[in-house]
Amino acid sequence: MQESDERAFAEIYTRYSYQLFTVAYGKLKSKEAAEELAQDLFENLWEKRRSAQIQQLKPYLFSAIRYRVINYIKSEKVRTGYELFCRLTLTDADTGTEATVALNDLNEALAAGMQHLSEKTQEVFRLSRLEQCTIPEISVRVNLSEKTVEYHLRKSLKLMRSYLRNFLLTVWPLLFFVR
């Protein structure tokens, strides 16, 4: 596989994809989420095939799918908590509409800000801030040293802060004062 042999990769996929899907599905009880996590794992494995230093493939794959499941659950908890927070702070339909527009604007501003980051920095930011991964977990997933992950994280936070500063100063107060 490290030599880009597609047949070797296909054999690995055939041998382990269903087992990995089963592990993810057993924890998440969602076919779509389990399929997505397993596919993402294989995509990542193929992208990093030349640089990955995998000693034992099977333990590596099962460990990687467990990390993906944990991170998925963490991100779902954050998303659910945020949705609950939004519902509790909004009392009437007009406020809900304004807050929804503000939230959509924030999501668009966040996506636009991320476009200014390099691909690796975007990935580190997404894993840290959106999927709530720790620096050691990110280091393993993106195959970088912890110091390099910290560098990318500092860089992304600095750029995102400056990019979103004006947006947050004008829109964020609306979420709290329009009741």
N, C-alpha and C. Protein backbone atom coordinates (compact mmCIF):
# COMPACT_ATOMS: atom_id res chain seq x y z
N MET A 1 0.82 -1.19 0.00
CA MET A 1 0.00 0.00 0.00
C MET A 1 0.87 1.25 0.00
N GLN A 2 1.97 1.25 0.74
CA GLN A 2 2.85 2.42 0.79
C GLN A 2 3.42 2.76 -0.58
N GLU A 3 3.44 1.79 -1.47
CA GLU A 3 3.94 2.02 -2.82
C GLU A 3 2.81 2.31 -3.80
N SER A 4 1.66 2.71 -3.27
CA SER A 4 0.48 3.09 -4.05
C SER A 4 -0.11 1.94 -4.86
N ASP A 5 0.02 0.74 -4.35
CA ASP A 5 -0.58 -0.43 -5.00
C ASP A 5 -2.07 -0.45 -4.67
N GLU A 6 -2.89 -0.13 -5.65
CA GLU A 6 -4.33 -0.06 -5.44
C GLU A 6 -4.93 -1.42 -5.10
N ARG A 7 -4.35 -2.48 -5.63
CA ARG A 7 -4.85 -3.82 -5.32
C ARG A 7 -4.62 -4.15 -3.84
N ALA A 8 -3.47 -3.75 -3.32
CA ALA A 8 -3.19 -3.98 -1.89
C ALA A 8 -4.18 -3.19 -1.04
N PHE A 9 -4.44 -1.96 -1.44
CA PHE A 9 -5.40 -1.14 -0.69
C PHE A 9 -6.80 -1.75 -0.77
N ALA A 10 -7.17 -2.23 -1.96
CA ALA A 10 -8.49 -2.85 -2.13
C ALA A 10 -8.61 -4.09 -1.24
N GLU A 11 -7.54 -4.84 -1.10
CA GLU A 11 -7.55 -6.01 -0.22
C GLU A 11 -7.74 -5.60 1.23
N ILE A 12 -7.05 -4.56 1.64
CA ILE A 12 -7.20 -4.05 3.01
C ILE A 12 -8.63 -3.59 3.23
N TYR A 13 -9.16 -2.86 2.26
CA TYR A 13 -10.54 -2.37 2.36
C TYR A 13 -11.52 -3.55 2.48
N THR A 14 -11.35 -4.54 1.61
CA THR A 14 -12.24 -5.70 1.62
C THR A 14 -12.15 -6.44 2.95
N ARG A 15 -10.95 -6.57 3.46
CA ARG A 15 -10.72 -7.34 4.67
C ARG A 15 -11.28 -6.65 5.92
N TYR A 16 -11.20 -5.30 5.98
CA TYR A 16 -11.51 -4.63 7.24
C TYR A 16 -12.72 -3.68 7.22
N SER A 17 -13.21 -3.30 6.07
CA SER A 17 -14.26 -2.27 6.03
C SER A 17 -15.51 -2.67 6.80
N TYR A 18 -15.98 -3.89 6.62
CA TYR A 18 -17.21 -4.29 7.31
C TYR A 18 -16.98 -4.37 8.82
N GLN A 19 -15.82 -4.87 9.22
CA GLN A 19 -15.53 -4.97 10.65
C GLN A 19 -15.49 -3.58 11.30
N LEU A 20 -14.87 -2.64 10.61
CA LEU A 20 -14.78 -1.27 11.13
C LEU A 20 -16.16 -0.61 11.16
N PHE A 21 -16.94 -0.83 10.11
CA PHE A 21 -18.31 -0.33 10.09
C PHE A 21 -19.09 -0.88 11.28
N THR A 22 -18.94 -2.17 11.54
CA THR A 22 -19.67 -2.82 12.64
C THR A 22 -19.30 -2.22 13.99
N VAL A 23 -18.03 -1.94 14.20
CA VAL A 23 -17.59 -1.32 15.46
C VAL A 23 -18.25 0.05 15.61
N ALA A 24 -18.18 0.85 14.55
CA ALA A 24 -18.76 2.20 14.61
C ALA A 24 -20.27 2.13 14.78
N TYR A 25 -20.93 1.26 14.04
CA TYR A 25 -22.38 1.14 14.14
C TYR A 25 -22.80 0.67 15.53
N GLY A 26 -22.03 -0.22 16.12
CA GLY A 26 -22.35 -0.71 17.45
C GLY A 26 -22.37 0.39 18.49
N LYS A 27 -21.54 1.40 18.32
CA LYS A 27 -21.49 2.52 19.27
C LYS A 27 -22.48 3.63 18.91
N LEU A 28 -22.65 3.89 17.62
CA LEU A 28 -23.43 5.06 17.19
C LEU A 28 -24.88 4.74 16.86
N LYS A 29 -25.17 3.51 16.49
CA LYS A 29 -26.52 3.09 16.09
C LYS A 29 -27.05 3.93 14.93
N SER A 30 -26.13 4.38 14.09
CA SER A 30 -26.49 5.14 12.90
C SER A 30 -25.70 4.59 11.72
N LYS A 31 -26.41 4.03 10.76
CA LYS A 31 -25.75 3.43 9.60
C LYS A 31 -24.96 4.49 8.82
N GLU A 32 -25.57 5.66 8.62
CA GLU A 32 -24.93 6.71 7.84
C GLU A 32 -23.66 7.21 8.51
N ALA A 33 -23.73 7.45 9.82
CA ALA A 33 -22.56 7.94 10.54
C ALA A 33 -21.45 6.89 10.56
N ALA A 34 -21.81 5.63 10.77
CA ALA A 34 -20.81 4.56 10.80
C ALA A 34 -20.14 4.41 9.44
N GLU A 35 -20.94 4.46 8.37
CA GLU A 35 -20.37 4.38 7.02
C GLU A 35 -19.43 5.55 6.76
N GLU A 36 -19.86 6.74 7.15
CA GLU A 36 -19.05 7.94 6.93
C GLU A 36 -17.71 7.85 7.67
N LEU A 37 -17.75 7.41 8.92
CA LEU A 37 -16.51 7.31 9.70
C LEU A 37 -15.57 6.26 9.11
N ALA A 38 -16.10 5.12 8.70
CA ALA A 38 -15.26 4.07 8.11
C ALA A 38 -14.67 4.55 6.79
N GLN A 39 -15.49 5.19 5.95
CA GLN A 39 -14.98 5.70 4.67
C GLN A 39 -13.92 6.77 4.89
N ASP A 40 -14.16 7.64 5.86
CA ASP A 40 -13.20 8.69 6.17
C ASP A 40 -11.87 8.08 6.63
N LEU A 41 -11.94 7.02 7.40
CA LEU A 41 -10.73 6.34 7.86
C LEU A 41 -9.93 5.79 6.68
N PHE A 42 -10.61 5.13 5.75
CA PHE A 42 -9.91 4.57 4.59
C PHE A 42 -9.37 5.66 3.67
N GLU A 43 -10.14 6.73 3.53
CA GLU A 43 -9.66 7.85 2.72
C GLU A 43 -8.38 8.43 3.33
N ASN A 44 -8.39 8.61 4.64
CA ASN A 44 -7.23 9.14 5.35
C ASN A 44 -6.05 8.18 5.24
N LEU A 45 -6.31 6.89 5.33
CA LEU A 45 -5.27 5.87 5.22
C LEU A 45 -4.60 5.95 3.84
N TRP A 46 -5.40 6.10 2.80
CA TRP A 46 -4.86 6.17 1.44
C TRP A 46 -4.06 7.46 1.24
N GLU A 47 -4.58 8.58 1.74
CA GLU A 47 -3.88 9.85 1.59
C GLU A 47 -2.53 9.85 2.30
N LYS A 48 -2.42 9.15 3.40
CA LYS A 48 -1.19 9.15 4.20
C LYS A 48 -0.39 7.86 4.01
N ARG A 49 -0.67 7.14 2.94
CA ARG A 49 -0.06 5.82 2.73
C ARG A 49 1.47 5.87 2.68
N ARG A 50 2.04 6.92 2.14
CA ARG A 50 3.50 6.98 2.02
C ARG A 50 4.18 7.42 3.31
N SER A 51 3.51 8.25 4.08
CA SER A 51 4.15 8.81 5.28
C SER A 51 3.78 8.08 6.57
N ALA A 52 2.73 7.30 6.53
CA ALA A 52 2.28 6.62 7.75
C ALA A 52 3.27 5.52 8.15
N GLN A 53 3.56 5.48 9.43
CA GLN A 53 4.45 4.46 9.98
C GLN A 53 3.62 3.48 10.79
N ILE A 54 2.92 2.62 10.11
CA ILE A 54 2.01 1.68 10.76
C ILE A 54 2.74 0.35 10.93
N GLN A 55 2.88 -0.07 12.18
CA GLN A 55 3.56 -1.33 12.47
C GLN A 55 2.62 -2.52 12.32
N GLN A 56 1.42 -2.40 12.90
CA GLN A 56 0.42 -3.46 12.83
C GLN A 56 -0.88 -2.84 12.34
N LEU A 57 -1.30 -3.24 11.17
CA LEU A 57 -2.43 -2.59 10.51
C LEU A 57 -3.75 -2.77 11.27
N LYS A 58 -4.09 -3.98 11.65
CA LYS A 58 -5.39 -4.23 12.28
C LYS A 58 -5.57 -3.42 13.57
N PRO A 59 -4.62 -3.47 14.52
CA PRO A 59 -4.79 -2.64 15.73
C PRO A 59 -4.85 -1.14 15.41
N TYR A 60 -4.09 -0.72 14.42
CA TYR A 60 -4.11 0.69 14.02
C TYR A 60 -5.51 1.08 13.54
N LEU A 61 -6.09 0.27 12.66
CA LEU A 61 -7.41 0.59 12.11
C LEU A 61 -8.49 0.61 13.18
N PHE A 62 -8.47 -0.36 14.07
CA PHE A 62 -9.50 -0.41 15.11
C PHE A 62 -9.34 0.71 16.13
N SER A 63 -8.11 1.07 16.41
CA SER A 63 -7.86 2.21 17.29
C SER A 63 -8.33 3.50 16.62
N ALA A 64 -8.03 3.63 15.34
CA ALA A 64 -8.43 4.84 14.59
C ALA A 64 -9.95 4.97 14.53
N ILE A 65 -10.66 3.87 14.32
CA ILE A 65 -12.13 3.97 14.24
C ILE A 65 -12.70 4.31 15.60
N ARG A 66 -12.09 3.81 16.68
CA ARG A 66 -12.57 4.17 18.02
C ARG A 66 -12.39 5.67 18.27
N TYR A 67 -11.23 6.22 17.88
CA TYR A 67 -11.03 7.67 18.03
C TYR A 67 -12.06 8.45 17.22
N ARG A 68 -12.34 7.98 16.02
CA ARG A 68 -13.31 8.68 15.19
C ARG A 68 -14.71 8.64 15.82
N VAL A 69 -15.07 7.50 16.38
CA VAL A 69 -16.37 7.38 17.05
C VAL A 69 -16.44 8.32 18.25
N ILE A 70 -15.39 8.33 19.06
CA ILE A 70 -15.35 9.21 20.24
C ILE A 70 -15.47 10.67 19.81
N ASN A 71 -14.74 11.06 18.80
CA ASN A 71 -14.79 12.45 18.34
C ASN A 71 -16.15 12.80 17.74
N TYR A 72 -16.75 11.83 17.06
CA TYR A 72 -18.09 12.05 16.51
C TYR A 72 -19.09 12.27 17.65
N ILE A 73 -19.02 11.46 18.67
CA ILE A 73 -19.93 11.59 19.82
C ILE A 73 -19.71 12.94 20.50
N LYS A 74 -18.44 13.34 20.68
CA LYS A 74 -18.15 14.64 21.29
C LYS A 74 -18.74 15.77 20.46
N SER A 75 -18.54 15.72 19.15
CA SER A 75 -19.05 16.80 18.31
C SER A 75 -20.58 16.84 18.31
N GLU A 76 -21.21 15.66 18.37
CA GLU A 76 -22.67 15.62 18.44
C GLU A 76 -23.17 16.22 19.76
N LYS A 77 -22.46 15.96 20.86
CA LYS A 77 -22.85 16.54 22.15
C LYS A 77 -22.73 18.06 22.10
N VAL A 78 -21.66 18.55 21.51
CA VAL A 78 -21.48 19.99 21.40
C VAL A 78 -22.60 20.59 20.54
N ARG A 79 -22.87 19.97 19.41
CA ARG A 79 -23.92 20.46 18.50
C ARG A 79 -25.28 20.44 19.19
N THR A 80 -25.60 19.36 19.87
CA THR A 80 -26.88 19.23 20.58
C THR A 80 -26.99 20.27 21.69
N GLY A 81 -25.90 20.43 22.44
CA GLY A 81 -25.89 21.43 23.52
C GLY A 81 -26.09 22.83 22.99
N TYR A 82 -25.47 23.13 21.87
CA TYR A 82 -25.60 24.46 21.28
C TYR A 82 -27.03 24.68 20.78
N GLU A 83 -27.61 23.67 20.16
CA GLU A 83 -29.00 23.79 19.71
C GLU A 83 -29.93 24.02 20.89
N LEU A 84 -29.71 23.30 21.97
CA LEU A 84 -30.52 23.47 23.17
C LEU A 84 -30.35 24.88 23.73
N PHE A 85 -29.11 25.34 23.79
CA PHE A 85 -28.84 26.70 24.25
C PHE A 85 -29.60 27.72 23.41
N CYS A 86 -29.56 27.55 22.12
CA CYS A 86 -30.27 28.49 21.22
C CYS A 86 -31.77 28.45 21.47
N ARG A 87 -32.31 27.27 21.65
CA ARG A 87 -33.76 27.17 21.90
C ARG A 87 -34.15 27.79 23.23
N LEU A 88 -33.32 27.62 24.25
CA LEU A 88 -33.63 28.15 25.56
C LEU A 88 -33.49 29.67 25.64
N THR A 89 -32.57 30.24 24.86
CA THR A 89 -32.37 31.68 24.92
C THR A 89 -33.31 32.44 24.00
N LEU A 90 -33.96 31.75 23.11
CA LEU A 90 -34.89 32.41 22.18
C LEU A 90 -36.31 32.15 22.64
N THR A 91 -37.10 33.21 22.77
CA THR A 91 -38.44 33.02 23.33
C THR A 91 -39.58 33.14 22.33
N ASP A 92 -39.46 33.99 21.33
CA ASP A 92 -40.58 34.09 20.39
C ASP A 92 -40.10 33.87 18.96
N ALA A 93 -41.05 33.76 18.05
CA ALA A 93 -40.75 33.41 16.66
C ALA A 93 -39.88 34.47 15.99
N ASP A 94 -40.17 35.77 16.26
CA ASP A 94 -39.37 36.82 15.63
C ASP A 94 -37.92 36.75 16.07
N THR A 95 -37.70 36.55 17.35
CA THR A 95 -36.34 36.43 17.86
C THR A 95 -35.69 35.20 17.26
N GLY A 96 -36.43 34.11 17.13
CA GLY A 96 -35.89 32.89 16.54
C GLY A 96 -35.44 33.12 15.11
N THR A 97 -36.22 33.87 14.36
CA THR A 97 -35.86 34.16 12.97
C THR A 97 -34.60 35.00 12.92
N GLU A 98 -34.52 36.04 13.74
CA GLU A 98 -33.34 36.89 13.75
C GLU A 98 -32.11 36.11 14.20
N ALA A 99 -32.27 35.29 15.22
CA ALA A 99 -31.14 34.50 15.71
C ALA A 99 -30.71 33.46 14.68
N THR A 100 -31.68 32.88 13.98
CA THR A 100 -31.35 31.91 12.95
C THR A 100 -30.55 32.57 11.84
N VAL A 101 -30.97 33.76 11.44
CA VAL A 101 -30.22 34.51 10.42
C VAL A 101 -28.82 34.82 10.92
N ALA A 102 -28.71 35.26 12.17
CA ALA A 102 -27.40 35.57 12.75
C ALA A 102 -26.53 34.33 12.82
N LEU A 103 -27.13 33.20 13.20
CA LEU A 103 -26.37 31.96 13.29
C LEU A 103 -25.90 31.52 11.91
N ASN A 104 -26.76 31.64 10.92
CA ASN A 104 -26.36 31.31 9.54
C ASN A 104 -25.23 32.23 9.08
N ASP A 105 -25.34 33.51 9.41
CA ASP A 105 -24.27 34.45 9.06
C ASP A 105 -22.96 34.07 9.73
N LEU A 106 -23.04 33.66 10.98
CA LEU A 106 -21.84 33.24 11.70
C LEU A 106 -21.22 32.00 11.05
N ASN A 107 -22.05 31.04 10.70
CA ASN A 107 -21.54 29.83 10.03
C ASN A 107 -20.89 30.18 8.70
N GLU A 108 -21.50 31.10 7.95
CA GLU A 108 -20.90 31.52 6.68
C GLU A 108 -19.58 32.26 6.91
N ALA A 109 -19.54 33.11 7.92
CA ALA A 109 -18.31 33.83 8.23
C ALA A 109 -17.22 32.86 8.68
N LEU A 110 -17.59 31.86 9.45
CA LEU A 110 -16.63 30.86 9.89
C LEU A 110 -16.08 30.09 8.68
N ALA A 111 -16.96 29.68 7.79
CA ALA A 111 -16.52 28.95 6.59
C ALA A 111 -15.64 29.84 5.71
N ALA A 112 -16.00 31.11 5.57
CA ALA A 112 -15.19 32.03 4.77
C ALA A 112 -13.83 32.25 5.42
N GLY A 113 -13.82 32.37 6.73
CA GLY A 113 -12.55 32.54 7.44
C GLY A 113 -11.65 31.33 7.28
N MET A 114 -12.24 30.15 7.30
CA MET A 114 -11.44 28.92 7.17
C MET A 114 -10.81 28.82 5.78
N GLN A 115 -11.44 29.45 4.79
CA GLN A 115 -10.87 29.43 3.43
C GLN A 115 -9.53 30.15 3.36
N HIS A 116 -9.27 31.02 4.33
CA HIS A 116 -8.01 31.76 4.37
C HIS A 116 -6.89 30.94 5.00
N LEU A 117 -7.21 29.77 5.53
CA LEU A 117 -6.22 28.93 6.18
C LEU A 117 -5.70 27.88 5.21
N SER A 118 -4.47 27.43 5.42
CA SER A 118 -3.94 26.35 4.60
C SER A 118 -4.73 25.07 4.89
N GLU A 119 -4.61 24.10 4.02
CA GLU A 119 -5.38 22.86 4.17
C GLU A 119 -5.07 22.16 5.50
N LYS A 120 -3.82 22.07 5.86
CA LYS A 120 -3.41 21.39 7.09
C LYS A 120 -3.91 22.17 8.31
N THR A 121 -3.81 23.51 8.25
CA THR A 121 -4.26 24.35 9.35
C THR A 121 -5.77 24.24 9.51
N GLN A 122 -6.50 24.19 8.39
CA GLN A 122 -7.95 23.99 8.44
C GLN A 122 -8.30 22.68 9.14
N GLU A 123 -7.57 21.62 8.79
CA GLU A 123 -7.86 20.31 9.37
C GLU A 123 -7.61 20.32 10.88
N VAL A 124 -6.50 20.94 11.30
CA VAL A 124 -6.19 21.01 12.73
C VAL A 124 -7.25 21.83 13.46
N PHE A 125 -7.65 22.97 12.89
CA PHE A 125 -8.68 23.81 13.49
C PHE A 125 -10.00 23.04 13.62
N ARG A 126 -10.39 22.37 12.55
CA ARG A 126 -11.65 21.63 12.55
C ARG A 126 -11.63 20.54 13.63
N LEU A 127 -10.55 19.79 13.69
CA LEU A 127 -10.46 18.72 14.68
C LEU A 127 -10.46 19.27 16.11
N SER A 128 -9.78 20.38 16.32
CA SER A 128 -9.68 20.94 17.67
C SER A 128 -10.96 21.63 18.10
N ARG A 129 -11.44 22.54 17.29
CA ARG A 129 -12.54 23.40 17.72
C ARG A 129 -13.92 22.86 17.37
N LEU A 130 -14.05 22.12 16.29
CA LEU A 130 -15.38 21.64 15.90
C LEU A 130 -15.62 20.20 16.35
N GLU A 131 -14.55 19.38 16.41
CA GLU A 131 -14.72 18.00 16.83
C GLU A 131 -14.17 17.75 18.23
N GLN A 132 -13.65 18.79 18.87
CA GLN A 132 -13.19 18.73 20.26
C GLN A 132 -12.09 17.69 20.50
N CYS A 133 -11.20 17.50 19.55
CA CYS A 133 -10.09 16.56 19.73
C CYS A 133 -8.97 17.22 20.54
N THR A 134 -8.23 16.42 21.27
CA THR A 134 -7.07 16.92 22.00
C THR A 134 -5.87 16.99 21.07
N ILE A 135 -4.85 17.71 21.49
CA ILE A 135 -3.65 17.84 20.66
C ILE A 135 -3.01 16.48 20.38
N PRO A 136 -2.86 15.59 21.38
CA PRO A 136 -2.31 14.26 21.06
C PRO A 136 -3.18 13.48 20.06
N GLU A 137 -4.49 13.58 20.18
CA GLU A 137 -5.38 12.89 19.23
C GLU A 137 -5.20 13.45 17.83
N ILE A 138 -5.12 14.77 17.72
CA ILE A 138 -4.93 15.41 16.42
C ILE A 138 -3.59 14.99 15.84
N SER A 139 -2.57 14.96 16.67
CA SER A 139 -1.24 14.57 16.23
C SER A 139 -1.24 13.20 15.57
N VAL A 140 -1.95 12.26 16.18
CA VAL A 140 -2.04 10.91 15.63
C VAL A 140 -2.83 10.92 14.33
N ARG A 141 -3.95 11.64 14.32
CA ARG A 141 -4.84 11.61 13.14
C ARG A 141 -4.23 12.26 11.92
N VAL A 142 -3.47 13.36 12.11
CA VAL A 142 -2.91 14.06 10.95
C VAL A 142 -1.44 13.74 10.73
N ASN A 143 -0.91 12.85 11.57
CA ASN A 143 0.46 12.40 11.43
C ASN A 143 1.48 13.55 11.49
N LEU A 144 1.32 14.39 12.50
CA LEU A 144 2.23 15.50 12.76
C LEU A 144 2.66 15.44 14.22
N SER A 145 3.78 16.07 14.53
CA SER A 145 4.20 16.13 15.93
C SER A 145 3.24 17.04 16.69
N GLU A 146 3.20 16.87 18.01
CA GLU A 146 2.32 17.70 18.83
C GLU A 146 2.71 19.18 18.72
N LYS A 147 4.00 19.47 18.63
CA LYS A 147 4.45 20.86 18.49
C LYS A 147 3.94 21.47 17.19
N THR A 148 3.96 20.68 16.12
CA THR A 148 3.46 21.17 14.83
C THR A 148 1.95 21.40 14.89
N VAL A 149 1.23 20.51 15.57
CA VAL A 149 -0.21 20.68 15.74
C VAL A 149 -0.48 21.96 16.52
N GLU A 150 0.28 22.19 17.60
CA GLU A 150 0.12 23.42 18.38
C GLU A 150 0.38 24.65 17.52
N TYR A 151 1.40 24.59 16.66
CA TYR A 151 1.70 25.71 15.76
C TYR A 151 0.50 25.99 14.85
N HIS A 152 -0.03 24.94 14.22
CA HIS A 152 -1.17 25.11 13.31
C HIS A 152 -2.39 25.65 14.07
N LEU A 153 -2.58 25.19 15.29
CA LEU A 153 -3.71 25.64 16.09
C LEU A 153 -3.56 27.12 16.45
N ARG A 154 -2.37 27.51 16.90
CA ARG A 154 -2.14 28.94 17.22
C ARG A 154 -2.36 29.80 15.98
N LYS A 155 -1.82 29.35 14.86
CA LYS A 155 -1.95 30.09 13.60
C LYS A 155 -3.42 30.23 13.21
N SER A 156 -4.17 29.14 13.29
CA SER A 156 -5.58 29.19 12.89
C SER A 156 -6.38 30.10 13.82
N LEU A 157 -6.14 30.00 15.13
CA LEU A 157 -6.89 30.83 16.07
C LEU A 157 -6.60 32.31 15.87
N LYS A 158 -5.35 32.63 15.62
CA LYS A 158 -4.98 34.03 15.40
C LYS A 158 -5.68 34.58 14.14
N LEU A 159 -5.62 33.82 13.06
CA LEU A 159 -6.25 34.27 11.82
C LEU A 159 -7.78 34.32 11.94
N MET A 160 -8.37 33.32 12.58
CA MET A 160 -9.83 33.30 12.71
C MET A 160 -10.31 34.42 13.63
N ARG A 161 -9.57 34.70 14.69
CA ARG A 161 -9.95 35.81 15.58
C ARG A 161 -10.00 37.12 14.82
N SER A 162 -8.95 37.39 14.06
CA SER A 162 -8.93 38.66 13.33
C SER A 162 -10.00 38.69 12.25
N TYR A 163 -10.24 37.56 11.59
CA TYR A 163 -11.23 37.53 10.52
C TYR A 163 -12.64 37.68 11.06
N LEU A 164 -12.93 37.07 12.21
CA LEU A 164 -14.28 37.09 12.75
C LEU A 164 -14.56 38.24 13.72
N ARG A 165 -13.53 38.99 14.09
CA ARG A 165 -13.69 40.04 15.10
C ARG A 165 -14.81 41.01 14.74
N ASN A 166 -14.78 41.57 13.55
CA ASN A 166 -15.81 42.55 13.17
C ASN A 166 -17.20 41.91 13.13
N PHE A 167 -17.26 40.70 12.63
CA PHE A 167 -18.55 40.03 12.56
C PHE A 167 -19.12 39.82 13.96
N LEU A 168 -18.33 39.32 14.86
CA LEU A 168 -18.82 39.01 16.21
C LEU A 168 -19.20 40.27 16.97
N LEU A 169 -18.47 41.35 16.77
CA LEU A 169 -18.79 42.59 17.48
C LEU A 169 -20.14 43.15 17.06
N THR A 170 -20.54 42.92 15.83
CA THR A 170 -21.81 43.48 15.37
C THR A 170 -22.98 42.52 15.54
N VAL A 171 -22.78 41.23 15.39
CA VAL A 171 -23.89 40.28 15.39
C VAL A 171 -24.12 39.63 16.74
N TRP A 172 -23.08 39.26 17.45
CA TRP A 172 -23.22 38.51 18.69
C TRP A 172 -24.13 39.19 19.71
N PRO A 173 -24.02 40.51 19.94
CA PRO A 173 -24.93 41.13 20.90
C PRO A 173 -26.41 40.97 20.55
N LEU A 174 -26.71 40.86 19.28
CA LEU A 174 -28.11 40.69 18.86
C LEU A 174 -28.70 39.40 19.43
N LEU A 175 -27.88 38.38 19.55
CA LEU A 175 -28.38 37.11 20.05
C LEU A 175 -28.85 37.21 21.50
N PHE A 176 -28.28 38.14 22.25
CA PHE A 176 -28.61 38.25 23.67
C PHE A 176 -29.62 39.37 23.98
N PHE A 177 -29.62 40.41 23.16
CA PHE A 177 -30.47 41.55 23.48
C PHE A 177 -31.79 41.55 22.74
N VAL A 178 -31.92 40.74 21.70
CA VAL A 178 -33.19 40.69 20.98
C VAL A 178 -34.03 39.58 21.59
N ARG A 179 -34.83 39.93 22.57
CA ARG A 179 -35.70 38.95 23.26
C ARG A 179 -37.10 39.45 23.29
